[in-house]
Amino acid sequence: MNNQLRLRKFMNELLLDQIPKLVDMLRSLEELSLMQVQAQSKNTIVVQQLPGLRLAICKYKN
């Protein structure tokens, strides 16, 4: 997969204008790179503050 991702640096606007089908390929390469980043970051924690839950905890504390 890394070999395919290296192709992105060669896809400039001039090349994409000359060969329009490469736009779809570039989009696919960008999606692959996003998938690879997500696969590497398995230890990511997403924290979301819920106002209702926070109020309930604060009320219980007092």
PDB file of N, CA and C in Angstrom:
ATOM      1  N   MET A   1       0.825  -1.185   0.000  1.00  0.00           N
ATOM      2  CA  MET A   1       0.000   0.000   0.000  1.00  0.00           C
ATOM      3  C   MET A   1       0.876   1.258   0.000  1.00  0.00           C
ATOM      4  N   ASN A   2       2.019   1.222   0.656  1.00  0.00           N
ATOM      5  CA  ASN A   2       2.881   2.398   0.706  1.00  0.00           C
ATOM      6  C   ASN A   2       3.388   2.793  -0.675  1.00  0.00           C
ATOM      7  N   ASN A   3       3.621   1.806  -1.530  1.00  0.00           N
ATOM      8  CA  ASN A   3       4.071   2.124  -2.886  1.00  0.00           C
ATOM      9  C   ASN A   3       3.012   2.904  -3.647  1.00  0.00           C
ATOM     10  N   GLN A   4       1.756   2.530  -3.473  1.00  0.00           N
ATOM     11  CA  GLN A   4       0.685   3.252  -4.150  1.00  0.00           C
ATOM     12  C   GLN A   4       0.555   4.675  -3.603  1.00  0.00           C
ATOM     13  N   LEU A   5       0.750   4.824  -2.303  1.00  0.00           N
ATOM     14  CA  LEU A   5       0.622   6.148  -1.702  1.00  0.00           C
ATOM     15  C   LEU A   5       1.729   7.091  -2.151  1.00  0.00           C
ATOM     16  N   ARG A   6       2.871   6.543  -2.523  1.00  0.00           N
ATOM     17  CA  ARG A   6       3.963   7.385  -3.019  1.00  0.00           C
ATOM     18  C   ARG A   6       3.638   8.004  -4.373  1.00  0.00           C
ATOM     19  N   LEU A   7       2.653   7.467  -5.070  1.00  0.00           N
ATOM     20  CA  LEU A   7       2.270   8.019  -6.372  1.00  0.00           C
ATOM     21  C   LEU A   7       1.636   9.403  -6.252  1.00  0.00           C
ATOM     22  N   ARG A   8       1.094   9.705  -5.087  1.00  0.00           N
ATOM     23  CA  ARG A   8       0.396  10.984  -4.909  1.00  0.00           C
ATOM     24  C   ARG A   8       1.278  12.179  -5.216  1.00  0.00           C
ATOM     25  N   LYS A   9       2.557  12.094  -4.871  1.00  0.00           N
ATOM     26  CA  LYS A   9       3.425  13.259  -5.072  1.00  0.00           C
ATOM     27  C   LYS A   9       3.642  13.575  -6.551  1.00  0.00           C
ATOM     28  N   PHE A  10       3.389  12.621  -7.425  1.00  0.00           N
ATOM     29  CA  PHE A  10       3.570  12.854  -8.862  1.00  0.00           C
ATOM     30  C   PHE A  10       2.317  13.390  -9.539  1.00  0.00           C
ATOM     31  N   MET A  11       1.214  13.400  -8.823  1.00  0.00           N
ATOM     32  CA  MET A  11      -0.053  13.844  -9.418  1.00  0.00           C
ATOM     33  C   MET A  11      -0.258  15.328  -9.163  1.00  0.00           C
ATOM     34  N   ASN A  12       0.160  16.119 -10.127  1.00  0.00           N
ATOM     35  CA  ASN A  12      -0.028  17.554 -10.026  1.00  0.00           C
ATOM     36  C   ASN A  12      -1.204  17.971 -10.907  1.00  0.00           C
ATOM     37  N   GLU A  13      -1.548  19.239 -10.861  1.00  0.00           N
ATOM     38  CA  GLU A  13      -2.715  19.710 -11.605  1.00  0.00           C
ATOM     39  C   GLU A  13      -2.543  19.560 -13.109  1.00  0.00           C
ATOM     40  N   LEU A  14      -1.337  19.761 -13.594  1.00  0.00           N
ATOM     41  CA  LEU A  14      -1.090  19.633 -15.033  1.00  0.00           C
ATOM     42  C   LEU A  14      -1.351  18.203 -15.500  1.00  0.00           C
ATOM     43  N   LEU A  15      -0.858  17.235 -14.744  1.00  0.00           N
ATOM     44  CA  LEU A  15      -1.073  15.831 -15.092  1.00  0.00           C
ATOM     45  C   LEU A  15      -2.557  15.481 -15.018  1.00  0.00           C
ATOM     46  N   LEU A  16      -3.229  15.960 -13.983  1.00  0.00           N
ATOM     47  CA  LEU A  16      -4.657  15.671 -13.833  1.00  0.00           C
ATOM     48  C   LEU A  16      -5.481  16.318 -14.937  1.00  0.00           C
ATOM     49  N   ASP A  17      -5.037  17.475 -15.429  1.00  0.00           N
ATOM     50  CA  ASP A  17      -5.728  18.105 -16.557  1.00  0.00           C
ATOM     51  C   ASP A  17      -5.537  17.305 -17.841  1.00  0.00           C
ATOM     52  N   GLN A  18      -4.361  16.723 -18.007  1.00  0.00           N
ATOM     53  CA  GLN A  18      -4.063  15.962 -19.216  1.00  0.00           C
ATOM     54  C   GLN A  18      -4.733  14.589 -19.204  1.00  0.00           C
ATOM     55  N   ILE A  19      -4.824  13.984 -18.026  1.00  0.00           N
ATOM     56  CA  ILE A  19      -5.419  12.649 -17.908  1.00  0.00           C
ATOM     57  C   ILE A  19      -6.490  12.710 -16.815  1.00  0.00           C
ATOM     58  N   PRO A  20      -7.706  13.078 -17.172  1.00  0.00           N
ATOM     59  CA  PRO A  20      -8.762  13.281 -16.175  1.00  0.00           C
ATOM     60  C   PRO A  20      -9.119  12.037 -15.350  1.00  0.00           C
ATOM     61  N   LYS A  21      -8.903  10.866 -15.877  1.00  0.00           N
ATOM     62  CA  LYS A  21      -9.216   9.642 -15.128  1.00  0.00           C
ATOM     63  C   LYS A  21      -8.357   9.497 -13.873  1.00  0.00           C
ATOM     64  N   LEU A  22      -7.232  10.180 -13.838  1.00  0.00           N
ATOM     65  CA  LEU A  22      -6.353  10.104 -12.673  1.00  0.00           C
ATOM     66  C   LEU A  22      -6.935  10.813 -11.453  1.00  0.00           C
ATOM     67  N   VAL A  23      -7.940  11.654 -11.660  1.00  0.00           N
ATOM     68  CA  VAL A  23      -8.584  12.331 -10.533  1.00  0.00           C
ATOM     69  C   VAL A  23      -9.226  11.291  -9.617  1.00  0.00           C
ATOM     70  N   ASP A  24      -9.886  10.297 -10.210  1.00  0.00           N
ATOM     71  CA  ASP A  24     -10.494   9.227  -9.413  1.00  0.00           C
ATOM     72  C   ASP A  24      -9.421   8.413  -8.682  1.00  0.00           C
ATOM     73  N   MET A  25      -8.314   8.193  -9.355  1.00  0.00           N
ATOM     74  CA  MET A  25      -7.227   7.446  -8.725  1.00  0.00           C
ATOM     75  C   MET A  25      -6.642   8.229  -7.547  1.00  0.00           C
ATOM     76  N   LEU A  26      -6.495   9.539  -7.720  1.00  0.00           N
ATOM     77  CA  LEU A  26      -5.980  10.374  -6.644  1.00  0.00           C
ATOM     78  C   LEU A  26      -6.928  10.348  -5.449  1.00  0.00           C
ATOM     79  N   ARG A  27      -8.207  10.400  -5.719  1.00  0.00           N
ATOM     80  CA  ARG A  27      -9.196  10.334  -4.637  1.00  0.00           C
ATOM     81  C   ARG A  27      -9.084   9.007  -3.887  1.00  0.00           C
ATOM     82  N   SER A  28      -8.922   7.927  -4.615  1.00  0.00           N
ATOM     83  CA  SER A  28      -8.767   6.614  -3.982  1.00  0.00           C
ATOM     84  C   SER A  28      -7.498   6.549  -3.146  1.00  0.00           C
ATOM     85  N   LEU A  29      -6.427   7.147  -3.638  1.00  0.00           N
ATOM     86  CA  LEU A  29      -5.179   7.170  -2.878  1.00  0.00           C
ATOM     87  C   LEU A  29      -5.334   7.983  -1.589  1.00  0.00           C
ATOM     88  N   GLU A  30      -6.071   9.080  -1.669  1.00  0.00           N
ATOM     89  CA  GLU A  30      -6.313   9.882  -0.476  1.00  0.00           C
ATOM     90  C   GLU A  30      -7.129   9.085   0.547  1.00  0.00           C
ATOM     91  N   GLU A  31      -8.125   8.331   0.076  1.00  0.00           N
ATOM     92  CA  GLU A  31      -8.924   7.501   0.980  1.00  0.00           C
ATOM     93  C   GLU A  31      -8.067   6.409   1.615  1.00  0.00           C
ATOM     94  N   LEU A  32      -7.164   5.826   0.833  1.00  0.00           N
ATOM     95  CA  LEU A  32      -6.250   4.821   1.379  1.00  0.00           C
ATOM     96  C   LEU A  32      -5.359   5.408   2.466  1.00  0.00           C
ATOM     97  N   SER A  33      -4.885   6.617   2.241  1.00  0.00           N
ATOM     98  CA  SER A  33      -4.027   7.235   3.242  1.00  0.00           C
ATOM     99  C   SER A  33      -4.797   7.502   4.525  1.00  0.00           C
ATOM    100  N   LEU A  34      -6.065   7.890   4.411  1.00  0.00           N
ATOM    101  CA  LEU A  34      -6.887   8.090   5.608  1.00  0.00           C
ATOM    102  C   LEU A  34      -7.115   6.781   6.343  1.00  0.00           C
ATOM    103  N   MET A  35      -7.358   5.724   5.598  1.00  0.00           N
ATOM    104  CA  MET A  35      -7.568   4.412   6.219  1.00  0.00           C
ATOM    105  C   MET A  35      -6.306   3.960   6.938  1.00  0.00           C
ATOM    106  N   GLN A  36      -5.157   4.237   6.357  1.00  0.00           N
ATOM    107  CA  GLN A  36      -3.888   3.833   6.956  1.00  0.00           C
ATOM    108  C   GLN A  36      -3.645   4.603   8.250  1.00  0.00           C
ATOM    109  N   VAL A  37      -3.952   5.885   8.269  1.00  0.00           N
ATOM    110  CA  VAL A  37      -3.778   6.695   9.478  1.00  0.00           C
ATOM    111  C   VAL A  37      -4.694   6.195  10.579  1.00  0.00           C
ATOM    112  N   GLN A  38      -5.931   5.873  10.240  1.00  0.00           N
ATOM    113  CA  GLN A  38      -6.876   5.374  11.234  1.00  0.00           C
ATOM    114  C   GLN A  38      -6.442   4.024  11.778  1.00  0.00           C
ATOM    115  N   ALA A  39      -5.858   3.189  10.943  1.00  0.00           N
ATOM    116  CA  ALA A  39      -5.409   1.872  11.386  1.00  0.00           C
ATOM    117  C   ALA A  39      -4.215   2.005  12.335  1.00  0.00           C
ATOM    118  N   GLN A  40      -3.371   3.011  12.128  1.00  0.00           N
ATOM    119  CA  GLN A  40      -2.194   3.192  12.962  1.00  0.00           C
ATOM    120  C   GLN A  40      -2.549   3.772  14.324  1.00  0.00           C
ATOM    121  N   SER A  41      -3.593   4.543  14.399  1.00  0.00           N
ATOM    122  CA  SER A  41      -3.935   5.214  15.653  1.00  0.00           C
ATOM    123  C   SER A  41      -5.008   4.434  16.412  1.00  0.00           C
ATOM    124  N   LYS A  42      -4.671   3.236  16.840  1.00  0.00           N
ATOM    125  CA  LYS A  42      -5.619   2.397  17.563  1.00  0.00           C
ATOM    126  C   LYS A  42      -5.769   2.829  19.012  1.00  0.00           C
ATOM    127  N   ASN A  43      -4.788   3.515  19.567  1.00  0.00           N
ATOM    128  CA  ASN A  43      -4.814   3.906  20.968  1.00  0.00           C
ATOM    129  C   ASN A  43      -5.418   5.288  21.172  1.00  0.00           C
ATOM    130  N   THR A  44      -6.263   5.703  20.285  1.00  0.00           N
ATOM    131  CA  THR A  44      -6.868   7.017  20.369  1.00  0.00           C
ATOM    132  C   THR A  44      -8.103   6.962  21.257  1.00  0.00           C
ATOM    133  N   ILE A  45      -8.235   7.959  22.096  1.00  0.00           N
ATOM    134  CA  ILE A  45      -9.398   8.061  22.972  1.00  0.00           C
ATOM    135  C   ILE A  45     -10.157   9.317  22.591  1.00  0.00           C
ATOM    136  N   VAL A  46     -11.446   9.186  22.395  1.00  0.00           N
ATOM    137  CA  VAL A  46     -12.299  10.326  22.090  1.00  0.00           C
ATOM    138  C   VAL A  46     -13.091  10.652  23.345  1.00  0.00           C
ATOM    139  N   VAL A  47     -12.971  11.900  23.789  1.00  0.00           N
ATOM    140  CA  VAL A  47     -13.666  12.348  24.989  1.00  0.00           C
ATOM    141  C   VAL A  47     -14.714  13.365  24.570  1.00  0.00           C
ATOM    142  N   GLN A  48     -15.941  13.133  24.997  1.00  0.00           N
ATOM    143  CA  GLN A  48     -17.026  14.037  24.681  1.00  0.00           C
ATOM    144  C   GLN A  48     -17.713  14.421  25.985  1.00  0.00           C
ATOM    145  N   GLN A  49     -17.851  15.694  26.197  1.00  0.00           N
ATOM    146  CA  GLN A  49     -18.486  16.151  27.420  1.00  0.00           C
ATOM    147  C   GLN A  49     -19.990  16.202  27.206  1.00  0.00           C
ATOM    148  N   LEU A  50     -20.717  15.556  28.082  1.00  0.00           N
ATOM    149  CA  LEU A  50     -22.167  15.557  28.016  1.00  0.00           C
ATOM    150  C   LEU A  50     -22.697  16.448  29.142  1.00  0.00           C
ATOM    151  N   PRO A  51     -23.289  17.586  28.809  1.00  0.00           N
ATOM    152  CA  PRO A  51     -23.713  18.536  29.839  1.00  0.00           C
ATOM    153  C   PRO A  51     -24.699  17.939  30.844  1.00  0.00           C
ATOM    154  N   GLY A  52     -25.646  17.149  30.374  1.00  0.00           N
ATOM    155  CA  GLY A  52     -26.625  16.562  31.283  1.00  0.00           C
ATOM    156  C   GLY A  52     -25.979  15.622  32.277  1.00  0.00           C
ATOM    157  N   LEU A  53     -25.062  14.823  31.816  1.00  0.00           N
ATOM    158  CA  LEU A  53     -24.362  13.877  32.684  1.00  0.00           C
ATOM    159  C   LEU A  53     -23.497  14.631  33.696  1.00  0.00           C
ATOM    160  N   ARG A  54     -22.852  15.672  33.235  1.00  0.00           N
ATOM    161  CA  ARG A  54     -22.015  16.474  34.124  1.00  0.00           C
ATOM    162  C   ARG A  54     -22.856  17.113  35.220  1.00  0.00           C
ATOM    163  N   LEU A  55     -24.002  17.674  34.844  1.00  0.00           N
ATOM    164  CA  LEU A  55     -24.874  18.295  35.845  1.00  0.00           C
ATOM    165  C   LEU A  55     -25.360  17.278  36.869  1.00  0.00           C
ATOM    166  N   ALA A  56     -25.700  16.072  36.398  1.00  0.00           N
ATOM    167  CA  ALA A  56     -26.184  15.037  37.304  1.00  0.00           C
ATOM    168  C   ALA A  56     -25.078  14.618  38.278  1.00  0.00           C
ATOM    169  N   ILE A  57     -23.859  14.524  37.800  1.00  0.00           N
ATOM    170  CA  ILE A  57     -22.737  14.147  38.669  1.00  0.00           C
ATOM    171  C   ILE A  57     -22.476  15.254  39.672  1.00  0.00           C
ATOM    172  N   CYS A  58     -22.495  16.503  39.226  1.00  0.00           N
ATOM    173  CA  CYS A  58     -22.242  17.627  40.127  1.00  0.00           C
ATOM    174  C   CYS A  58     -23.347  17.740  41.179  1.00  0.00           C
ATOM    175  N   LYS A  59     -24.593  17.505  40.786  1.00  0.00           N
ATOM    176  CA  LYS A  59     -25.704  17.570  41.728  1.00  0.00           C
ATOM    177  C   LYS A  59     -25.579  16.477  42.774  1.00  0.00           C
ATOM    178  N   TYR A  60     -25.159  15.290  42.362  1.00  0.00           N
ATOM    179  CA  TYR A  60     -24.999  14.155  43.275  1.00  0.00           C
ATOM    180  C   TYR A  60     -23.854  14.422  44.243  1.00  0.00           C
ATOM    181  N   LYS A  61     -22.805  15.075  43.767  1.00  0.00           N
ATOM    182  CA  LYS A  61     -21.650  15.388  44.603  1.00  0.00           C
ATOM    183  C   LYS A  61     -22.025  16.341  45.731  1.00  0.00           C
ATOM    184  N   ASN A  62     -22.833  17.334  45.418  1.00  0.00           N
ATOM    185  CA  ASN A  62     -23.188  18.355  46.412  1.00  0.00           C
ATOM    186  C   ASN A  62     -24.228  17.778  47.315  1.00  0.00           C
TER     187      ASN A  62
END
